[in-house]
PDB file of N, CA and C in Angstrom:
ATOM      1  N   MET A   1     -72.750 126.664 104.084  1.00  0.00           N
ATOM      2  CA  MET A   1     -73.540 127.566 103.494  1.00  0.00           C
ATOM      3  C   MET A   1     -74.243 127.009 102.236  1.00  0.00           C
ATOM      4  N   ASP A   2     -73.573 125.863 101.719  1.00  0.00           N
ATOM      5  CA  ASP A   2     -74.138 125.229 100.525  1.00  0.00           C
ATOM      6  C   ASP A   2     -75.593 124.727 100.937  1.00  0.00           C
ATOM      7  N   PHE A   3     -75.787 124.344 102.056  1.00  0.00           N
ATOM      8  CA  PHE A   3     -77.130 123.829 102.445  1.00  0.00           C
ATOM      9  C   PHE A   3     -78.111 124.929 102.350  1.00  0.00           C
ATOM     10  N   LEU A   4     -77.818 126.099 102.880  1.00  0.00           N
ATOM     11  CA  LEU A   4     -78.739 127.324 102.837  1.00  0.00           C
ATOM     12  C   LEU A   4     -79.020 127.665 101.352  1.00  0.00           C
ATOM     13  N   LYS A   5     -78.017 127.593 100.542  1.00  0.00           N
ATOM     14  CA  LYS A   5     -78.201 127.869  99.006  1.00  0.00           C
ATOM     15  C   LYS A   5     -79.113 126.812  98.397  1.00  0.00           C
ATOM     16  N   ASP A   6     -78.893 125.582  98.789  1.00  0.00           N
ATOM     17  CA  ASP A   6     -79.836 124.575  98.235  1.00  0.00           C
ATOM     18  C   ASP A   6     -81.158 124.717  98.694  1.00  0.00           C
ATOM     19  N   ILE A   7     -81.403 125.066  99.898  1.00  0.00           N
ATOM     20  CA  ILE A   7     -82.803 125.309 100.461  1.00  0.00           C
ATOM     21  C   ILE A   7     -83.418 126.495  99.729  1.00  0.00           C
ATOM     22  N   TRP A   8     -82.613 127.542  99.529  1.00  0.00           N
ATOM     23  CA  TRP A   8     -83.268 128.744  98.743  1.00  0.00           C
ATOM     24  C   TRP A   8     -83.526 128.381  97.464  1.00  0.00           C
ATOM     25  N   GLY A   9     -82.615 127.598  96.717  1.00  0.00           N
ATOM     26  CA  GLY A   9     -82.979 127.140  95.231  1.00  0.00           C
ATOM     27  C   GLY A   9     -84.267 126.337  95.264  1.00  0.00           C
ATOM     28  N   PHE A  10     -84.382 125.446  96.197  1.00  0.00           N
ATOM     29  CA  PHE A  10     -85.695 124.637  96.267  1.00  0.00           C
ATOM     30  C   PHE A  10     -86.850 125.457  96.442  1.00  0.00           C
ATOM     31  N   LEU A  11     -86.831 126.462  97.315  1.00  0.00           N
ATOM     32  CA  LEU A  11     -87.974 127.256  97.397  1.00  0.00           C
ATOM     33  C   LEU A  11     -88.228 128.056  96.256  1.00  0.00           C
ATOM     34  N   LYS A  12     -87.271 128.567  95.627  1.00  0.00           N
ATOM     35  CA  LYS A  12     -87.430 129.447  94.440  1.00  0.00           C
ATOM     36  C   LYS A  12     -87.928 128.591  93.227  1.00  0.00           C
ATOM     37  N   VAL A  13     -87.420 127.375  93.034  1.00  0.00           N
ATOM     38  CA  VAL A  13     -87.839 126.591  91.805  1.00  0.00           C
ATOM     39  C   VAL A  13     -89.176 126.073  91.966  1.00  0.00           C
ATOM     40  N   ARG A  14     -89.466 125.458  93.262  1.00  0.00           N
ATOM     41  CA  ARG A  14     -90.642 124.776  93.507  1.00  0.00           C
ATOM     42  C   ARG A  14     -91.875 125.628  93.891  1.00  0.00           C
ATOM     43  N   LYS A  15     -91.539 127.072  94.257  1.00  0.00           N
ATOM     44  CA  LYS A  15     -92.554 127.869  94.733  1.00  0.00           C
ATOM     45  C   LYS A  15     -93.237 127.476  95.950  1.00  0.00           C
ATOM     46  N   LYS A  16     -92.361 126.977  96.820  1.00  0.00           N
ATOM     47  CA  LYS A  16     -92.858 126.480  98.242  1.00  0.00           C
ATOM     48  C   LYS A  16     -92.515 127.526  99.236  1.00  0.00           C
ATOM     49  N   TRP A  17     -93.074 128.754  99.137  1.00  0.00           N
ATOM     50  CA  TRP A  17     -92.774 129.845  99.901  1.00  0.00           C
ATOM     51  C   TRP A  17     -93.398 129.667 101.381  1.00  0.00           C
ATOM     52  N   TRP A  18     -94.373 128.811 101.500  1.00  0.00           N
ATOM     53  CA  TRP A  18     -94.914 128.568 102.813  1.00  0.00           C
ATOM     54  C   TRP A  18     -93.999 127.870 103.719  1.00  0.00           C
ATOM     55  N   LEU A  19     -92.845 127.293 103.224  1.00  0.00           N
ATOM     56  CA  LEU A  19     -91.933 126.589 104.017  1.00  0.00           C
ATOM     57  C   LEU A  19     -90.961 127.606 104.723  1.00  0.00           C
ATOM     58  N   ALA A  20     -90.901 128.753 104.158  1.00  0.00           N
ATOM     59  CA  ALA A  20     -89.771 129.769 104.584  1.00  0.00           C
ATOM     60  C   ALA A  20     -89.995 130.098 106.042  1.00  0.00           C
ATOM     61  N   PRO A  21     -91.104 130.466 106.606  1.00  0.00           N
ATOM     62  CA  PRO A  21     -91.281 130.707 108.048  1.00  0.00           C
ATOM     63  C   PRO A  21     -90.894 129.609 108.834  1.00  0.00           C
ATOM     64  N   ILE A  22     -91.269 128.346 108.512  1.00  0.00           N
ATOM     65  CA  ILE A  22     -90.901 127.157 109.261  1.00  0.00           C
ATOM     66  C   ILE A  22     -89.508 127.020 109.406  1.00  0.00           C
ATOM     67  N   ILE A  23     -88.759 127.176 108.230  1.00  0.00           N
ATOM     68  CA  ILE A  23     -87.306 127.054 108.314  1.00  0.00           C
ATOM     69  C   ILE A  23     -86.556 128.151 109.133  1.00  0.00           C
ATOM     70  N   ILE A  24     -87.098 129.405 108.976  1.00  0.00           N
ATOM     71  CA  ILE A  24     -86.590 130.454 109.680  1.00  0.00           C
ATOM     72  C   ILE A  24     -86.687 130.265 111.143  1.00  0.00           C
ATOM     73  N   ILE A  25     -87.881 129.798 111.632  1.00  0.00           N
ATOM     74  CA  ILE A  25     -88.019 129.615 113.032  1.00  0.00           C
ATOM     75  C   ILE A  25     -87.193 128.609 113.535  1.00  0.00           C
ATOM     76  N   LEU A  26     -87.102 127.387 112.793  1.00  0.00           N
ATOM     77  CA  LEU A  26     -86.204 126.348 113.299  1.00  0.00           C
ATOM     78  C   LEU A  26     -84.731 126.807 113.265  1.00  0.00           C
ATOM     79  N   LEU A  27     -84.211 127.489 112.376  1.00  0.00           N
ATOM     80  CA  LEU A  27     -82.902 128.036 112.465  1.00  0.00           C
ATOM     81  C   LEU A  27     -82.682 128.973 113.779  1.00  0.00           C
ATOM     82  N   LEU A  28     -83.736 129.805 113.903  1.00  0.00           N
ATOM     83  CA  LEU A  28     -83.550 130.658 115.203  1.00  0.00           C
ATOM     84  C   LEU A  28     -83.531 129.875 116.557  1.00  0.00           C
ATOM     85  N   LEU A  29     -84.457 128.917 116.522  1.00  0.00           N
ATOM     86  CA  LEU A  29     -84.377 127.951 117.698  1.00  0.00           C
ATOM     87  C   LEU A  29     -83.059 127.287 117.891  1.00  0.00           C
ATOM     88  N   GLY A  30     -82.554 126.816 116.703  1.00  0.00           N
ATOM     89  CA  GLY A  30     -81.212 126.160 116.774  1.00  0.00           C
ATOM     90  C   GLY A  30     -80.142 127.016 117.284  1.00  0.00           C
ATOM     91  N   ILE A  31     -80.153 128.222 116.719  1.00  0.00           N
ATOM     92  CA  ILE A  31     -79.160 129.194 117.167  1.00  0.00           C
ATOM     93  C   ILE A  31     -79.144 129.622 118.729  1.00  0.00           C
ATOM     94  N   LEU A  32     -80.529 129.763 119.167  1.00  0.00           N
ATOM     95  CA  LEU A  32     -80.720 130.024 120.530  1.00  0.00           C
ATOM     96  C   LEU A  32     -80.227 128.827 121.422  1.00  0.00           C
ATOM     97  N   LEU A  33     -80.423 127.747 121.034  1.00  0.00           N
ATOM     98  CA  LEU A  33     -80.109 126.475 121.825  1.00  0.00           C
ATOM     99  C   LEU A  33     -78.463 126.487 121.874  1.00  0.00           C
ATOM    100  N   VAL A  34     -77.801 126.686 120.700  1.00  0.00           N
ATOM    101  CA  VAL A  34     -76.358 126.674 120.588  1.00  0.00           C
ATOM    102  C   VAL A  34     -75.756 127.743 121.468  1.00  0.00           C
ATOM    103  N   ILE A  35     -76.341 128.873 121.441  1.00  0.00           N
ATOM    104  CA  ILE A  35     -75.737 130.063 122.249  1.00  0.00           C
ATOM    105  C   ILE A  35     -76.055 129.794 123.739  1.00  0.00           C
ATOM    106  N   GLY A  36     -77.232 129.427 123.932  1.00  0.00           N
ATOM    107  CA  GLY A  36     -77.708 129.278 125.313  1.00  0.00           C
ATOM    108  C   GLY A  36     -77.165 128.126 126.021  1.00  0.00           C
ATOM    109  N   GLY A  37     -76.652 127.108 125.394  1.00  0.00           N
ATOM    110  CA  GLY A  37     -76.247 125.966 125.959  1.00  0.00           C
ATOM    111  C   GLY A  37     -74.937 126.099 126.837  1.00  0.00           C
ATOM    112  N   GLY A  38     -74.073 126.930 126.234  1.00  0.00           N
ATOM    113  CA  GLY A  38     -72.747 127.075 126.986  1.00  0.00           C
ATOM    114  C   GLY A  38     -72.537 128.439 127.562  1.00  0.00           C
ATOM    115  N   SER A  39     -73.508 129.148 127.867  1.00  0.00           N
ATOM    116  CA  SER A  39     -73.425 130.542 128.413  1.00  0.00           C
ATOM    117  C   SER A  39     -74.018 130.595 129.799  1.00  0.00           C
ATOM    118  N   ALA A  40     -73.678 131.859 130.510  1.00  0.00           N
ATOM    119  CA  ALA A  40     -74.295 132.112 131.679  1.00  0.00           C
ATOM    120  C   ALA A  40     -75.777 132.382 131.674  1.00  0.00           C
ATOM    121  N   ILE A  41     -76.349 132.668 130.445  1.00  0.00           N
ATOM    122  CA  ILE A  41     -77.775 132.969 130.511  1.00  0.00           C
ATOM    123  C   ILE A  41     -78.603 131.787 130.181  1.00  0.00           C
ATOM    124  N   ALA A  42     -77.955 130.596 130.258  1.00  0.00           N
ATOM    125  CA  ALA A  42     -78.599 129.383 129.940  1.00  0.00           C
ATOM    126  C   ALA A  42     -79.988 129.167 130.867  1.00  0.00           C
ATOM    127  N   PRO A  43     -79.861 129.395 132.122  1.00  0.00           N
ATOM    128  CA  PRO A  43     -80.878 129.197 133.047  1.00  0.00           C
ATOM    129  C   PRO A  43     -82.226 130.097 132.677  1.00  0.00           C
ATOM    130  N   PHE A  44     -81.704 131.250 132.180  1.00  0.00           N
ATOM    131  CA  PHE A  44     -83.006 132.185 131.875  1.00  0.00           C
ATOM    132  C   PHE A  44     -83.596 131.726 130.476  1.00  0.00           C
ATOM    133  N   ILE A  45     -82.839 131.230 129.608  1.00  0.00           N
ATOM    134  CA  ILE A  45     -83.416 130.723 128.309  1.00  0.00           C
ATOM    135  C   ILE A  45     -84.274 129.455 128.532  1.00  0.00           C
ATOM    136  N   TYR A  46     -83.821 128.636 129.401  1.00  0.00           N
ATOM    137  CA  TYR A  46     -84.648 127.301 129.643  1.00  0.00           C
ATOM    138  C   TYR A  46     -85.911 127.668 130.319  1.00  0.00           C
ATOM    139  N   THR A  47     -86.046 128.831 131.083  1.00  0.00           N
ATOM    140  CA  THR A  47     -87.253 129.106 131.700  1.00  0.00           C
ATOM    141  C   THR A  47     -88.379 129.502 130.733  1.00  0.00           C
ATOM    142  N   LEU A  48     -87.870 129.949 129.576  1.00  0.00           N
ATOM    143  CA  LEU A  48     -88.907 130.315 128.517  1.00  0.00           C
ATOM    144  C   LEU A  48     -89.606 129.144 128.023  1.00  0.00           C
ATOM    145  N   PHE A  49     -89.036 127.913 127.955  1.00  0.00           N
ATOM    146  CA  PHE A  49     -89.548 126.803 127.512  1.00  0.00           C
ATOM    147  C   PHE A  49     -90.129 125.965 128.563  1.00  0.00           C
TER     148      PHE A  49
END
């Protein structure tokens, strides 16, 4: 969680708010890959890409 706090601090101090959507999308894709990699719905997720 320290990593997320560091990113939030960077965005807040440097006023780089345009990076927030990119970071959110990357986090969501990472979560999707982790969840979909070891479950029964993996074939359905892979057809999306």
